C-alpha atoms as a PDB file:
ATOM      1  CA  UNK A   1       6.002  17.854  60.501  1.00  0.00           C
ATOM      2  CA  UNK A   2       4.389  20.493  58.282  1.00  0.00           C
ATOM      3  CA  UNK A   3       5.364  18.652  55.108  1.00  0.00           C
ATOM      4  CA  UNK A   4       4.087  15.321  56.453  1.00  0.00           C
ATOM      5  CA  UNK A   5       0.772  16.972  57.364  1.00  0.00           C
ATOM      6  CA  UNK A   6       0.531  18.594  53.915  1.00  0.00           C
ATOM      7  CA  UNK A   7       1.128  15.241  52.222  1.00  0.00           C
ATOM      8  CA  UNK A   8      -1.498  13.611  54.453  1.00  0.00           C
ATOM      9  CA  UNK A   9      -3.969  16.353  53.513  1.00  0.00           C
ATOM     10  CA  UNK A  10      -3.266  15.719  49.802  1.00  0.00           C
ATOM     11  CA  UNK A  11      -3.814  11.995  50.368  1.00  0.00           C
ATOM     12  CA  UNK A  12      -7.179  12.696  52.020  1.00  0.00           C
ATOM     13  CA  UNK A  13      -8.208  14.841  49.035  1.00  0.00           C
ATOM     14  CA  UNK A  14      -7.079  12.018  46.695  1.00  0.00           C
ATOM     15  CA  UNK A  15      -9.235   9.382  48.519  1.00  0.00           C
ATOM     16  CA  UNK A  16      -6.284   7.830  50.388  1.00  0.00           C
ATOM     17  CA  UNK A  17      -7.850   8.052  53.828  1.00  0.00           C
ATOM     18  CA  UNK A  18      -7.147   4.608  55.299  1.00  0.00           C
ATOM     19  CA  UNK A  19      -3.952   3.728  57.166  1.00  0.00           C
ATOM     20  CA  UNK A  20      -2.100   0.549  56.108  1.00  0.00           C
ATOM     21  CA  UNK A  21      -3.243  -1.145  59.339  1.00  0.00           C
ATOM     22  CA  UNK A  22      -6.883  -0.211  58.651  1.00  0.00           C
ATOM     23  CA  UNK A  23      -6.598  -1.463  55.062  1.00  0.00           C
ATOM     24  CA  UNK A  24      -5.160  -4.775  56.292  1.00  0.00           C
ATOM     25  CA  UNK A  25      -8.018  -5.163  58.789  1.00  0.00           C
ATOM     26  CA  UNK A  26     -10.597  -4.442  56.087  1.00  0.00           C
ATOM     27  CA  UNK A  27      -8.961  -6.900  53.689  1.00  0.00           C
ATOM     28  CA  UNK A  28      -8.889  -9.575  56.402  1.00  0.00           C
ATOM     29  CA  UNK A  29     -12.665  -9.108  56.872  1.00  0.00           C
ATOM     30  CA  UNK A  30     -13.244  -8.986  53.074  1.00  0.00           C
ATOM     31  CA  UNK A  31     -14.627  -5.465  53.356  1.00  0.00           C
ATOM     32  CA  UNK A  32     -14.152  -2.861  50.637  1.00  0.00           C
ATOM     33  CA  UNK A  33     -12.071   0.216  51.467  1.00  0.00           C
ATOM     34  CA  UNK A  34     -14.932   2.593  50.725  1.00  0.00           C
ATOM     35  CA  UNK A  35     -14.349   6.332  51.048  1.00  0.00           C
ATOM     36  CA  UNK A  36     -17.106   8.927  50.963  1.00  0.00           C
ATOM     37  CA  UNK A  37     -14.876  11.895  50.346  1.00  0.00           C
ATOM     38  CA  UNK A  38     -16.562  15.018  51.675  1.00  0.00           C
ATOM     39  CA  UNK A  39     -13.203  16.815  51.798  1.00  0.00           C
ATOM     40  CA  UNK A  40     -12.740  16.638  48.013  1.00  0.00           C
ATOM     41  CA  UNK A  41     -16.263  17.829  47.262  1.00  0.00           C
ATOM     42  CA  UNK A  42     -15.909  20.794  49.638  1.00  0.00           C
ATOM     43  CA  UNK A  43     -12.538  21.839  48.212  1.00  0.00           C
ATOM     44  CA  UNK A  44     -13.812  21.434  44.643  1.00  0.00           C
ATOM     45  CA  UNK A  45     -16.794  23.630  45.581  1.00  0.00           C
ATOM     46  CA  UNK A  46     -14.465  26.295  46.979  1.00  0.00           C
ATOM     47  CA  UNK A  47     -12.287  26.183  43.842  1.00  0.00           C
ATOM     48  CA  UNK A  48     -15.411  26.544  41.702  1.00  0.00           C
ATOM     49  CA  UNK A  49     -16.484  29.528  43.805  1.00  0.00           C
ATOM     50  CA  UNK A  50     -13.066  31.148  43.281  1.00  0.00           C
ATOM     51  CA  UNK A  51     -13.392  30.690  39.528  1.00  0.00           C
ATOM     52  CA  UNK A  52     -16.979  31.996  39.462  1.00  0.00           C
ATOM     53  CA  UNK A  53     -16.218  35.118  41.496  1.00  0.00           C
ATOM     54  CA  UNK A  54     -12.908  35.953  39.829  1.00  0.00           C
ATOM     55  CA  UNK A  55     -12.401  39.528  38.668  1.00  0.00           C
ATOM     56  CA  UNK A  56     -10.033  41.137  36.188  1.00  0.00           C
ATOM     57  CA  UNK A  57      -7.334  43.512  37.432  1.00  0.00           C
ATOM     58  CA  UNK A  58      -8.159  47.209  37.219  1.00  0.00           C
ATOM     59  CA  UNK A  59      -5.970  50.219  37.925  1.00  0.00           C
ATOM     60  CA  UNK A  60      -7.629  53.355  39.252  1.00  0.00           C
ATOM     61  CA  UNK A  61      -6.404  56.910  38.665  1.00  0.00           C
ATOM     62  CA  UNK A  62      -4.450  58.451  41.495  1.00  0.00           C
ATOM     63  CA  UNK A  63      -5.792  61.892  40.613  1.00  0.00           C
ATOM     64  CA  UNK A  64      -9.355  61.618  39.277  1.00  0.00           C
ATOM     65  CA  UNK A  65      -9.899  63.772  36.249  1.00  0.00           C
ATOM     66  CA  UNK A  66      -6.209  63.755  35.321  1.00  0.00           C
ATOM     67  CA  UNK A  67      -4.892  60.188  35.316  1.00  0.00           C
ATOM     68  CA  UNK A  68      -7.683  58.245  33.583  1.00  0.00           C
ATOM     69  CA  UNK A  69      -5.595  57.457  30.501  1.00  0.00           C
ATOM     70  CA  UNK A  70      -2.639  56.286  32.593  1.00  0.00           C
ATOM     71  CA  UNK A  71      -4.960  54.112  34.710  1.00  0.00           C
ATOM     72  CA  UNK A  72      -6.442  52.570  31.564  1.00  0.00           C
ATOM     73  CA  UNK A  73      -2.947  51.897  30.187  1.00  0.00           C
ATOM     74  CA  UNK A  74      -1.974  50.219  33.476  1.00  0.00           C
ATOM     75  CA  UNK A  75      -5.184  48.146  33.423  1.00  0.00           C
ATOM     76  CA  UNK A  76      -4.511  47.048  29.840  1.00  0.00           C
ATOM     77  CA  UNK A  77      -0.907  46.135  30.750  1.00  0.00           C
ATOM     78  CA  UNK A  78      -1.946  44.084  33.784  1.00  0.00           C
ATOM     79  CA  UNK A  79      -4.585  42.207  31.776  1.00  0.00           C
ATOM     80  CA  UNK A  80      -2.147  41.542  28.922  1.00  0.00           C
ATOM     81  CA  UNK A  81       0.492  40.171  31.308  1.00  0.00           C
ATOM     82  CA  UNK A  82      -2.144  38.008  32.989  1.00  0.00           C
ATOM     83  CA  UNK A  83      -3.396  36.675  29.651  1.00  0.00           C
ATOM     84  CA  UNK A  84      -0.016  35.774  28.147  1.00  0.00           C
ATOM     85  CA  UNK A  85       0.986  34.019  31.390  1.00  0.00           C
ATOM     86  CA  UNK A  86      -2.323  32.130  31.828  1.00  0.00           C
ATOM     87  CA  UNK A  87      -2.502  33.721  35.265  1.00  0.00           C
ATOM     88  CA  UNK A  88      -6.079  32.640  36.007  1.00  0.00           C
ATOM     89  CA  UNK A  89      -5.156  28.956  35.708  1.00  0.00           C
ATOM     90  CA  UNK A  90      -2.074  29.477  37.879  1.00  0.00           C
ATOM     91  CA  UNK A  91      -4.155  31.344  40.446  1.00  0.00           C
ATOM     92  CA  UNK A  92      -6.553  28.396  40.664  1.00  0.00           C
ATOM     93  CA  UNK A  93      -3.672  25.917  41.068  1.00  0.00           C
ATOM     94  CA  UNK A  94      -2.139  28.026  43.846  1.00  0.00           C
ATOM     95  CA  UNK A  95      -5.529  28.336  45.554  1.00  0.00           C
ATOM     96  CA  UNK A  96      -5.928  24.545  45.456  1.00  0.00           C
ATOM     97  CA  UNK A  97      -2.482  24.126  47.039  1.00  0.00           C
ATOM     98  CA  UNK A  98      -3.394  26.654  49.718  1.00  0.00           C
ATOM     99  CA  UNK A  99      -6.651  24.828  50.495  1.00  0.00           C
ATOM    100  CA  UNK A 100      -5.102  21.364  50.615  1.00  0.00           C
ATOM    101  CA  UNK A 101      -1.430  21.646  51.548  1.00  0.00           C
ATOM    102  CA  UNK A 102      -1.687  25.059  53.198  1.00  0.00           C
ATOM    103  CA  UNK A 103       0.922  26.812  51.054  1.00  0.00           C
ATOM    104  CA  UNK A 104       1.275  28.004  47.483  1.00  0.00           C
ATOM    105  CA  UNK A 105       2.636  30.875  45.479  1.00  0.00           C
ATOM    106  CA  UNK A 106       3.771  32.483  42.255  1.00  0.00           C
ATOM    107  CA  UNK A 107       6.854  34.443  41.392  1.00  0.00           C
ATOM    108  CA  UNK A 108       6.797  37.428  39.077  1.00  0.00           C
ATOM    109  CA  UNK A 109      10.015  38.231  37.296  1.00  0.00           C
ATOM    110  CA  UNK A 110      11.379  40.071  34.283  1.00  0.00           C
ATOM    111  CA  UNK A 111      12.932  37.558  31.898  1.00  0.00           C
ATOM    112  CA  UNK A 112      15.185  38.712  29.049  1.00  0.00           C
ATOM    113  CA  UNK A 113      14.028  37.998  25.510  1.00  0.00           C
ATOM    114  CA  UNK A 114      16.556  36.037  23.467  1.00  0.00           C
ATOM    115  CA  UNK A 115      16.516  38.070  20.260  1.00  0.00           C
ATOM    116  CA  UNK A 116      15.770  41.495  21.661  1.00  0.00           C
ATOM    117  CA  UNK A 117      17.044  43.718  24.440  1.00  0.00           C
ATOM    118  CA  UNK A 118      13.558  43.725  25.972  1.00  0.00           C
ATOM    119  CA  UNK A 119      12.332  41.798  28.949  1.00  0.00           C
ATOM    120  CA  UNK A 120       9.002  40.084  29.376  1.00  0.00           C
ATOM    121  CA  UNK A 121       7.070  39.784  32.603  1.00  0.00           C
ATOM    122  CA  UNK A 122       6.771  36.110  33.536  1.00  0.00           C
ATOM    123  CA  UNK A 123       4.486  34.669  36.201  1.00  0.00           C
ATOM    124  CA  UNK A 124       5.543  31.215  37.332  1.00  0.00           C
ATOM    125  CA  UNK A 125       3.706  29.023  39.799  1.00  0.00           C
ATOM    126  CA  UNK A 126       5.795  27.643  42.645  1.00  0.00           C
ATOM    127  CA  UNK A 127       4.631  24.237  43.816  1.00  0.00           C
ATOM    128  CA  UNK A 128       3.921  24.026  47.523  1.00  0.00           C
ATOM    129  CA  UNK A 129       6.713  21.514  48.150  1.00  0.00           C
ATOM    130  CA  UNK A 130       9.326  23.808  46.583  1.00  0.00           C
ATOM    131  CA  UNK A 131       8.760  26.759  48.943  1.00  0.00           C
ATOM    132  CA  UNK A 132      10.710  27.423  52.138  1.00  0.00           C
ATOM    133  CA  UNK A 133      10.325  30.277  54.587  1.00  0.00           C
ATOM    134  CA  UNK A 134      11.102  31.532  58.062  1.00  0.00           C
ATOM    135  CA  UNK A 135       9.277  29.143  60.429  1.00  0.00           C
ATOM    136  CA  UNK A 136       8.954  31.938  62.988  1.00  0.00           C
ATOM    137  CA  UNK A 137       6.713  33.913  60.613  1.00  0.00           C
ATOM    138  CA  UNK A 138       3.192  34.447  61.958  1.00  0.00           C
ATOM    139  CA  UNK A 139       1.522  36.307  59.081  1.00  0.00           C
ATOM    140  CA  UNK A 140      -0.501  34.286  56.565  1.00  0.00           C
ATOM    141  CA  UNK A 141       1.147  36.074  53.650  1.00  0.00           C
ATOM    142  CA  UNK A 142       4.617  35.594  55.241  1.00  0.00           C
ATOM    143  CA  UNK A 143       4.939  39.374  55.326  1.00  0.00           C
ATOM    144  CA  UNK A 144       6.911  39.186  58.579  1.00  0.00           C
ATOM    145  CA  UNK A 145       9.216  36.360  57.408  1.00  0.00           C
ATOM    146  CA  UNK A 146      12.926  37.100  57.588  1.00  0.00           C
ATOM    147  CA  UNK A 147      13.437  34.954  54.480  1.00  0.00           C
ATOM    148  CA  UNK A 148      11.442  33.177  51.782  1.00  0.00           C
ATOM    149  CA  UNK A 149      12.717  31.071  48.949  1.00  0.00           C
ATOM    150  CA  UNK A 150      12.290  28.320  46.432  1.00  0.00           C
ATOM    151  CA  UNK A 151      14.076  24.990  46.211  1.00  0.00           C
ATOM    152  CA  UNK A 152      15.409  24.377  42.719  1.00  0.00           C
ATOM    153  CA  UNK A 153      16.321  20.937  41.431  1.00  0.00           C
ATOM    154  CA  UNK A 154      18.518  20.266  38.425  1.00  0.00           C
ATOM    155  CA  UNK A 155      19.995  17.265  36.704  1.00  0.00           C
ATOM    156  CA  UNK A 156      23.620  16.738  37.681  1.00  0.00           C
ATOM    157  CA  UNK A 157      24.720  16.826  34.038  1.00  0.00           C
ATOM    158  CA  UNK A 158      23.092  20.261  33.611  1.00  0.00           C
ATOM    159  CA  UNK A 159      24.890  21.601  36.683  1.00  0.00           C
ATOM    160  CA  UNK A 160      28.232  20.277  35.419  1.00  0.00           C
ATOM    161  CA  UNK A 161      27.566  21.966  32.040  1.00  0.00           C
ATOM    162  CA  UNK A 162      26.866  25.267  33.812  1.00  0.00           C
ATOM    163  CA  UNK A 163      29.927  25.025  36.092  1.00  0.00           C
ATOM    164  CA  UNK A 164      32.488  22.732  34.381  1.00  0.00           C
ATOM    165  CA  UNK A 165      35.379  23.978  36.543  1.00  0.00           C
ATOM    166  CA  UNK A 166      33.515  22.880  39.694  1.00  0.00           C
ATOM    167  CA  UNK A 167      32.910  19.273  38.615  1.00  0.00           C
END
């Protein structure tokens, strides 16, 4: 039910607001299927407001007078990670999903570099239709959920290459 509602909400945002029966009735009467989409304009306004009021991450010293340099290093690190991952664009996409479909998210993970022993911090957007969670959760941030996860889809040939003995 939640997925069907989310898809209906996306359709309304995308100007698909008539049912097939309503479209047939309009066509029979030679009327255009006009949509004055106030939903899209409101959501676009809210997305624009998010972009306009966005702020950069800033770390504050735990002990004023002693930890200023560490706080500045943490601030620089957070901003660098955000920049290399295009975090602002991902944040806007997640916000749009939250406004329309009601769910969105990002995952933050350490990914190994191929040529070095280092890891890089990667921020990846999770599309709303790839997220699953405890339906008994009541908190907006799913903080009380017993489980949260992401559906992953792969080509069958890729799976067979990864696990040839399980073909």
